[in-house]
Amino acid sequence: QVQLVESGGGLVQAGGSLRLSCAASGRTFSSYDMVWFRQAPGKEREFVAGINWSGSRTYYTDSVKGRFTISRDNAKNTVYLQMNSLKPEDTAIYYCNYVHYWGHGTQVTVSS
């Protein structure tokens, strides 16, 4: 079993920044990609960013490229999502994903 706990969400004005964290516990953390998804009200959950096990490869959905940065610290079993230049359309619940495990999410609200 793997447990994922997200944190770092909150309310921020447009143009602001937030740093999300996802702490993993349980089985081996470093073997697979870690991925961030988000779900806005009334919309389907969508992919945001991913990172491979070593951190050498990252990938993003087009709408966040240049604004968001994903990173991981395998020694701390934690993955991060640095979000800069936030926009109201980034408002969503952000979820951490590892293989078939999901966290409960952290709310990000960006006011205009």
Protein backbone atom coordinates (compact mmCIF):
# COMPACT_ATOMS: atom_id res chain seq x y z
CA GLN A 1 0.00 0.00 0.00
CA VAL A 2 1.05 3.57 -0.68
CA GLN A 3 -0.44 6.59 1.03
CA LEU A 4 -0.24 9.99 -0.63
CA VAL A 5 -0.91 13.22 1.24
CA GLU A 6 -1.07 16.52 -0.61
CA SER A 7 -0.55 19.91 1.02
CA GLY A 8 0.19 23.50 0.13
CA GLY A 9 -3.04 24.54 -1.50
CA GLY A 10 -4.83 27.77 -0.67
CA LEU A 11 -6.27 31.01 -1.93
CA VAL A 12 -4.03 33.26 -4.00
CA GLN A 13 -4.51 36.22 -6.29
CA ALA A 14 -3.90 35.94 -10.00
CA GLY A 15 -0.20 36.22 -10.73
CA GLY A 16 0.72 34.71 -7.40
CA SER A 17 2.51 31.47 -6.55
CA LEU A 18 1.92 28.32 -4.56
CA ARG A 19 4.02 25.25 -3.90
CA LEU A 20 2.21 21.96 -3.55
CA SER A 21 3.74 18.95 -1.86
CA CYS A 22 2.82 15.29 -2.00
CA ALA A 23 4.28 13.10 0.70
CA ALA A 24 4.28 9.36 0.05
CA SER A 25 4.55 6.56 2.55
CA GLY A 26 4.39 2.80 2.29
CA ARG A 27 5.97 0.86 -0.50
CA THR A 28 8.93 1.91 -2.66
CA PHE A 29 8.46 5.44 -3.86
CA SER A 30 11.23 5.92 -6.35
CA SER A 31 10.47 3.33 -9.01
CA TYR A 32 7.75 5.01 -11.04
CA ASP A 33 6.63 8.35 -12.36
CA MET A 34 4.81 10.69 -10.04
CA VAL A 35 2.03 12.71 -11.59
CA TRP A 36 -0.11 15.70 -10.65
CA PHE A 37 -3.69 15.92 -11.86
CA ARG A 38 -6.36 18.53 -11.19
CA GLN A 39 -10.11 18.70 -11.30
CA ALA A 40 -12.02 21.94 -11.64
CA PRO A 41 -15.69 22.23 -10.65
CA GLY A 42 -17.90 20.58 -13.24
CA LYS A 43 -14.96 19.29 -15.25
CA GLU A 44 -13.15 16.00 -15.62
CA ARG A 45 -9.88 15.32 -13.89
CA GLU A 46 -6.99 16.32 -16.13
CA PHE A 47 -3.26 15.70 -16.26
CA VAL A 48 -1.04 18.58 -15.14
CA ALA A 49 2.57 17.42 -14.82
CA GLY A 50 4.67 14.28 -14.39
CA ILE A 51 8.19 13.33 -13.44
CA ASN A 52 10.15 10.11 -13.85
CA TRP A 53 11.73 8.20 -11.01
CA SER A 54 15.12 9.92 -11.21
CA GLY A 55 13.75 13.39 -11.83
CA SER A 56 15.60 13.60 -15.14
CA ARG A 57 12.45 13.79 -17.23
CA THR A 58 9.48 16.06 -16.67
CA TYR A 59 6.42 16.66 -18.80
CA TYR A 60 3.53 19.10 -18.63
CA THR A 61 0.21 19.88 -20.12
CA ASP A 62 0.48 22.82 -22.51
CA SER A 63 -1.54 25.20 -20.37
CA VAL A 64 1.00 25.15 -17.52
CA LYS A 65 4.28 24.97 -19.44
CA GLY A 66 6.60 27.76 -18.38
CA ARG A 67 4.58 28.45 -15.23
CA PHE A 68 4.63 25.19 -13.27
CA THR A 69 7.63 23.11 -12.27
CA ILE A 70 7.47 19.56 -10.95
CA SER A 71 10.28 18.09 -8.89
CA ARG A 72 10.83 15.21 -6.50
CA ASP A 73 13.00 14.30 -3.54
CA ASN A 74 13.17 10.53 -3.27
CA ALA A 75 15.04 10.74 0.02
CA LYS A 76 11.99 12.49 1.48
CA ASN A 77 9.47 10.49 -0.58
CA THR A 78 7.99 13.79 -1.71
CA VAL A 79 7.04 15.34 -5.01
CA TYR A 80 6.49 19.05 -5.45
CA LEU A 81 4.61 21.29 -7.84
CA GLN A 82 5.80 24.89 -7.93
CA MET A 83 3.08 26.99 -9.49
CA ASN A 84 3.89 30.52 -10.61
CA SER A 85 1.92 33.15 -12.51
CA LEU A 86 -1.29 31.51 -11.40
CA LYS A 87 -4.48 32.20 -13.32
CA PRO A 88 -8.14 31.90 -12.26
CA GLU A 89 -8.44 28.93 -14.64
CA ASP A 90 -5.89 27.07 -12.49
CA THR A 91 -8.52 26.87 -9.76
CA ALA A 92 -9.08 23.20 -9.01
CA ILE A 93 -8.46 20.41 -6.58
CA TYR A 94 -4.95 19.12 -7.22
CA TYR A 95 -4.28 15.42 -6.81
CA CYS A 96 -1.06 13.45 -6.57
CA ASN A 97 -0.89 10.11 -8.36
CA TYR A 98 1.55 7.19 -8.13
CA VAL A 99 0.75 4.10 -10.18
CA HIS A 100 -2.87 3.47 -9.17
CA TYR A 101 -2.71 5.35 -5.88
CA TRP A 102 -4.28 8.76 -5.34
CA GLY A 103 -4.18 11.33 -2.61
CA HIS A 104 -7.27 13.13 -1.34
CA GLY A 105 -6.30 16.37 -3.03
CA THR A 106 -5.57 19.94 -2.04
CA GLN A 107 -7.70 22.90 -3.09
CA VAL A 108 -6.14 25.70 -5.11
CA THR A 109 -8.23 28.82 -5.64
CA VAL A 110 -6.97 31.70 -7.75
CA SER A 111 -8.92 34.93 -7.52
CA SER A 112 -9.00 37.46 -10.35
